[in-house]
Amino acid sequence: MDNDLRFQWYVVALKQYAEREGHCRVPALHVEVLEGMEVKLGSFVSYQRQRRRKLENAISRSGDVVAVDRLAHAYDKFTGRKQVLETVPGWEWGPLRPGPASKAMRNDE
């Protein structure tokens, strides 16, 4: 499965979750079942938020023109995905509440 198809699969799972739960604050270890397949939705959501934050911070802090060019290219690729995620009802980029103090407490919240 190529990356674009995989991304679309995760978005469908996210929409299913949002429709059922009424929000997109997916627990970190949550696994959504979509058409009989397990989708690690918590990891996907966390990665997308983290990716956006890292790219934006790196672009704003970088003084090197070559590095900014490379980062801008990566961010341009991400922009399409960002727009798709923003169409999901209940999607928020953050800032969300800080995560739990330990891994054991992740899904308890």
C-alpha atoms as a PDB file:
ATOM      1  CA  MET A   1       0.000   0.000   0.000  1.00  0.00           C
ATOM      2  CA  ASP A   2       1.529   3.359  -0.989  1.00  0.00           C
ATOM      3  CA  ASN A   3       1.717   6.287   1.426  1.00  0.00           C
ATOM      4  CA  ASP A   4      -1.133   8.287  -0.118  1.00  0.00           C
ATOM      5  CA  LEU A   5      -3.492   5.325  -0.019  1.00  0.00           C
ATOM      6  CA  ARG A   6      -2.446   4.537   3.559  1.00  0.00           C
ATOM      7  CA  PHE A   7      -3.078   8.162   4.551  1.00  0.00           C
ATOM      8  CA  GLN A   8      -6.584   8.019   3.049  1.00  0.00           C
ATOM      9  CA  TRP A   9      -7.238   4.773   4.938  1.00  0.00           C
ATOM     10  CA  TYR A  10      -6.292   6.453   8.214  1.00  0.00           C
ATOM     11  CA  VAL A  11      -8.510   9.455   7.413  1.00  0.00           C
ATOM     12  CA  VAL A  12     -11.494   7.148   6.856  1.00  0.00           C
ATOM     13  CA  ALA A  13     -10.755   5.505  10.220  1.00  0.00           C
ATOM     14  CA  LEU A  14     -10.468   8.948  11.844  1.00  0.00           C
ATOM     15  CA  LYS A  15     -13.825  10.019  10.395  1.00  0.00           C
ATOM     16  CA  GLN A  16     -15.381   6.803  11.717  1.00  0.00           C
ATOM     17  CA  TYR A  17     -13.932   7.516  15.160  1.00  0.00           C
ATOM     18  CA  ALA A  18     -15.042  11.181  15.090  1.00  0.00           C
ATOM     19  CA  GLU A  19     -18.569  10.246  14.067  1.00  0.00           C
ATOM     20  CA  ARG A  20     -18.844   7.726  16.903  1.00  0.00           C
ATOM     21  CA  GLU A  21     -17.068   9.727  19.638  1.00  0.00           C
ATOM     22  CA  GLY A  22     -17.893  13.312  18.593  1.00  0.00           C
ATOM     23  CA  HIS A  23     -14.237  14.462  18.669  1.00  0.00           C
ATOM     24  CA  CYS A  24     -10.770  13.650  17.328  1.00  0.00           C
ATOM     25  CA  ARG A  25      -8.895  13.466  20.626  1.00  0.00           C
ATOM     26  CA  VAL A  26      -7.841   9.888  20.011  1.00  0.00           C
ATOM     27  CA  PRO A  27      -6.056   8.108  22.900  1.00  0.00           C
ATOM     28  CA  ALA A  28      -2.412   7.411  22.080  1.00  0.00           C
ATOM     29  CA  LEU A  29      -2.756   3.636  21.964  1.00  0.00           C
ATOM     30  CA  HIS A  30      -6.211   3.468  20.367  1.00  0.00           C
ATOM     31  CA  VAL A  31      -6.730   0.942  17.579  1.00  0.00           C
ATOM     32  CA  GLU A  32      -9.732   1.489  15.297  1.00  0.00           C
ATOM     33  CA  VAL A  33     -11.231  -1.458  13.414  1.00  0.00           C
ATOM     34  CA  LEU A  34     -12.032  -0.525   9.827  1.00  0.00           C
ATOM     35  CA  GLU A  35     -13.472  -3.138   7.470  1.00  0.00           C
ATOM     36  CA  GLY A  36     -12.059  -5.904   9.655  1.00  0.00           C
ATOM     37  CA  MET A  37      -8.548  -4.424   9.760  1.00  0.00           C
ATOM     38  CA  GLU A  38      -6.907  -2.881  12.810  1.00  0.00           C
ATOM     39  CA  VAL A  39      -5.734   0.704  12.283  1.00  0.00           C
ATOM     40  CA  LYS A  40      -3.374   2.238  14.864  1.00  0.00           C
ATOM     41  CA  LEU A  41      -5.271   5.502  14.875  1.00  0.00           C
ATOM     42  CA  GLY A  42      -3.750   6.954  18.051  1.00  0.00           C
ATOM     43  CA  SER A  43      -0.262   6.757  16.590  1.00  0.00           C
ATOM     44  CA  PHE A  44      -1.395   8.273  13.294  1.00  0.00           C
ATOM     45  CA  VAL A  45      -3.106  11.258  14.938  1.00  0.00           C
ATOM     46  CA  SER A  46      -0.142  11.903  17.210  1.00  0.00           C
ATOM     47  CA  TYR A  47       2.304  11.703  14.298  1.00  0.00           C
ATOM     48  CA  GLN A  48       0.320  14.147  12.143  1.00  0.00           C
ATOM     49  CA  ARG A  49       0.166  16.750  14.918  1.00  0.00           C
ATOM     50  CA  GLN A  50       3.829  16.242  15.735  1.00  0.00           C
ATOM     51  CA  ARG A  51       4.884  16.448  12.073  1.00  0.00           C
ATOM     52  CA  ARG A  52       3.079  19.747  11.543  1.00  0.00           C
ATOM     53  CA  ARG A  53       4.515  21.267  14.712  1.00  0.00           C
ATOM     54  CA  LYS A  54       8.079  20.165  13.911  1.00  0.00           C
ATOM     55  CA  LEU A  55       7.967  21.407  10.321  1.00  0.00           C
ATOM     56  CA  GLU A  56       6.545  24.800  11.267  1.00  0.00           C
ATOM     57  CA  ASN A  57       9.024  25.256  14.126  1.00  0.00           C
ATOM     58  CA  ALA A  58      11.993  24.208  11.990  1.00  0.00           C
ATOM     59  CA  ILE A  59      11.052  26.597   9.166  1.00  0.00           C
ATOM     60  CA  SER A  60      10.553  29.527  11.537  1.00  0.00           C
ATOM     61  CA  ARG A  61      13.892  28.926  13.340  1.00  0.00           C
ATOM     62  CA  SER A  62      16.126  28.059  10.411  1.00  0.00           C
ATOM     63  CA  GLY A  63      18.437  30.736   9.017  1.00  0.00           C
ATOM     64  CA  ASP A  64      20.048  28.511   6.379  1.00  0.00           C
ATOM     65  CA  VAL A  65      18.474  29.137   2.947  1.00  0.00           C
ATOM     66  CA  VAL A  66      19.165  25.577   1.721  1.00  0.00           C
ATOM     67  CA  ALA A  67      17.663  24.079   4.874  1.00  0.00           C
ATOM     68  CA  VAL A  68      14.606  26.338   4.608  1.00  0.00           C
ATOM     69  CA  ASP A  69      14.184  25.298   0.970  1.00  0.00           C
ATOM     70  CA  ARG A  70      14.297  21.607   1.909  1.00  0.00           C
ATOM     71  CA  LEU A  71      11.930  22.119   4.843  1.00  0.00           C
ATOM     72  CA  ALA A  72       9.564  24.187   2.703  1.00  0.00           C
ATOM     73  CA  HIS A  73       9.413  21.338   0.189  1.00  0.00           C
ATOM     74  CA  ALA A  74       8.547  18.856   2.966  1.00  0.00           C
ATOM     75  CA  TYR A  75       5.943  21.263   4.359  1.00  0.00           C
ATOM     76  CA  ASP A  76       4.420  21.756   0.901  1.00  0.00           C
ATOM     77  CA  LYS A  77       3.957  17.990   0.627  1.00  0.00           C
ATOM     78  CA  PHE A  78       2.354  17.991   4.078  1.00  0.00           C
ATOM     79  CA  THR A  79       0.006  20.898   3.244  1.00  0.00           C
ATOM     80  CA  GLY A  80      -2.324  18.701   1.180  1.00  0.00           C
ATOM     81  CA  ARG A  81      -2.653  16.246   4.043  1.00  0.00           C
ATOM     82  CA  LYS A  82      -3.149  19.099   6.477  1.00  0.00           C
ATOM     83  CA  GLN A  83      -6.095  20.362   4.430  1.00  0.00           C
ATOM     84  CA  VAL A  84      -7.654  16.884   4.311  1.00  0.00           C
ATOM     85  CA  LEU A  85      -7.369  16.479   8.091  1.00  0.00           C
ATOM     86  CA  GLU A  86      -8.950  19.873   8.657  1.00  0.00           C
ATOM     87  CA  THR A  87     -12.093  18.663   6.848  1.00  0.00           C
ATOM     88  CA  VAL A  88     -12.655  15.959   9.481  1.00  0.00           C
ATOM     89  CA  PRO A  89     -15.327  17.161  11.933  1.00  0.00           C
ATOM     90  CA  GLY A  90     -13.791  17.703  15.371  1.00  0.00           C
ATOM     91  CA  TRP A  91     -10.165  17.817  14.166  1.00  0.00           C
ATOM     92  CA  GLU A  92      -7.891  20.095  16.216  1.00  0.00           C
ATOM     93  CA  TRP A  93      -4.205  20.733  15.724  1.00  0.00           C
ATOM     94  CA  GLY A  94      -3.727  21.796  19.299  1.00  0.00           C
ATOM     95  CA  PRO A  95      -2.373  22.754  21.623  1.00  0.00           C
ATOM     96  CA  LEU A  96      -4.021  19.869  23.372  1.00  0.00           C
ATOM     97  CA  ARG A  97      -3.526  19.101  27.033  1.00  0.00           C
ATOM     98  CA  PRO A  98      -0.062  17.793  27.853  1.00  0.00           C
ATOM     99  CA  GLY A  99       0.146  14.016  27.743  1.00  0.00           C
ATOM    100  CA  PRO A 100       0.128  11.755  30.794  1.00  0.00           C
ATOM    101  CA  ALA A 101       3.169  11.490  33.034  1.00  0.00           C
ATOM    102  CA  SER A 102       3.806   7.851  32.118  1.00  0.00           C
ATOM    103  CA  LYS A 103       3.012   5.390  29.352  1.00  0.00           C
ATOM    104  CA  ALA A 104       0.954   3.285  31.749  1.00  0.00           C
ATOM    105  CA  MET A 105      -1.422   6.197  32.290  1.00  0.00           C
ATOM    106  CA  ARG A 106      -1.885   7.020  28.552  1.00  0.00           C
ATOM    107  CA  ASN A 107      -5.155   5.242  27.933  1.00  0.00           C
ATOM    108  CA  ASP A 108      -6.518   5.814  31.451  1.00  0.00           C
ATOM    109  CA  GLU A 109      -7.194   9.418  30.502  1.00  0.00           C
END
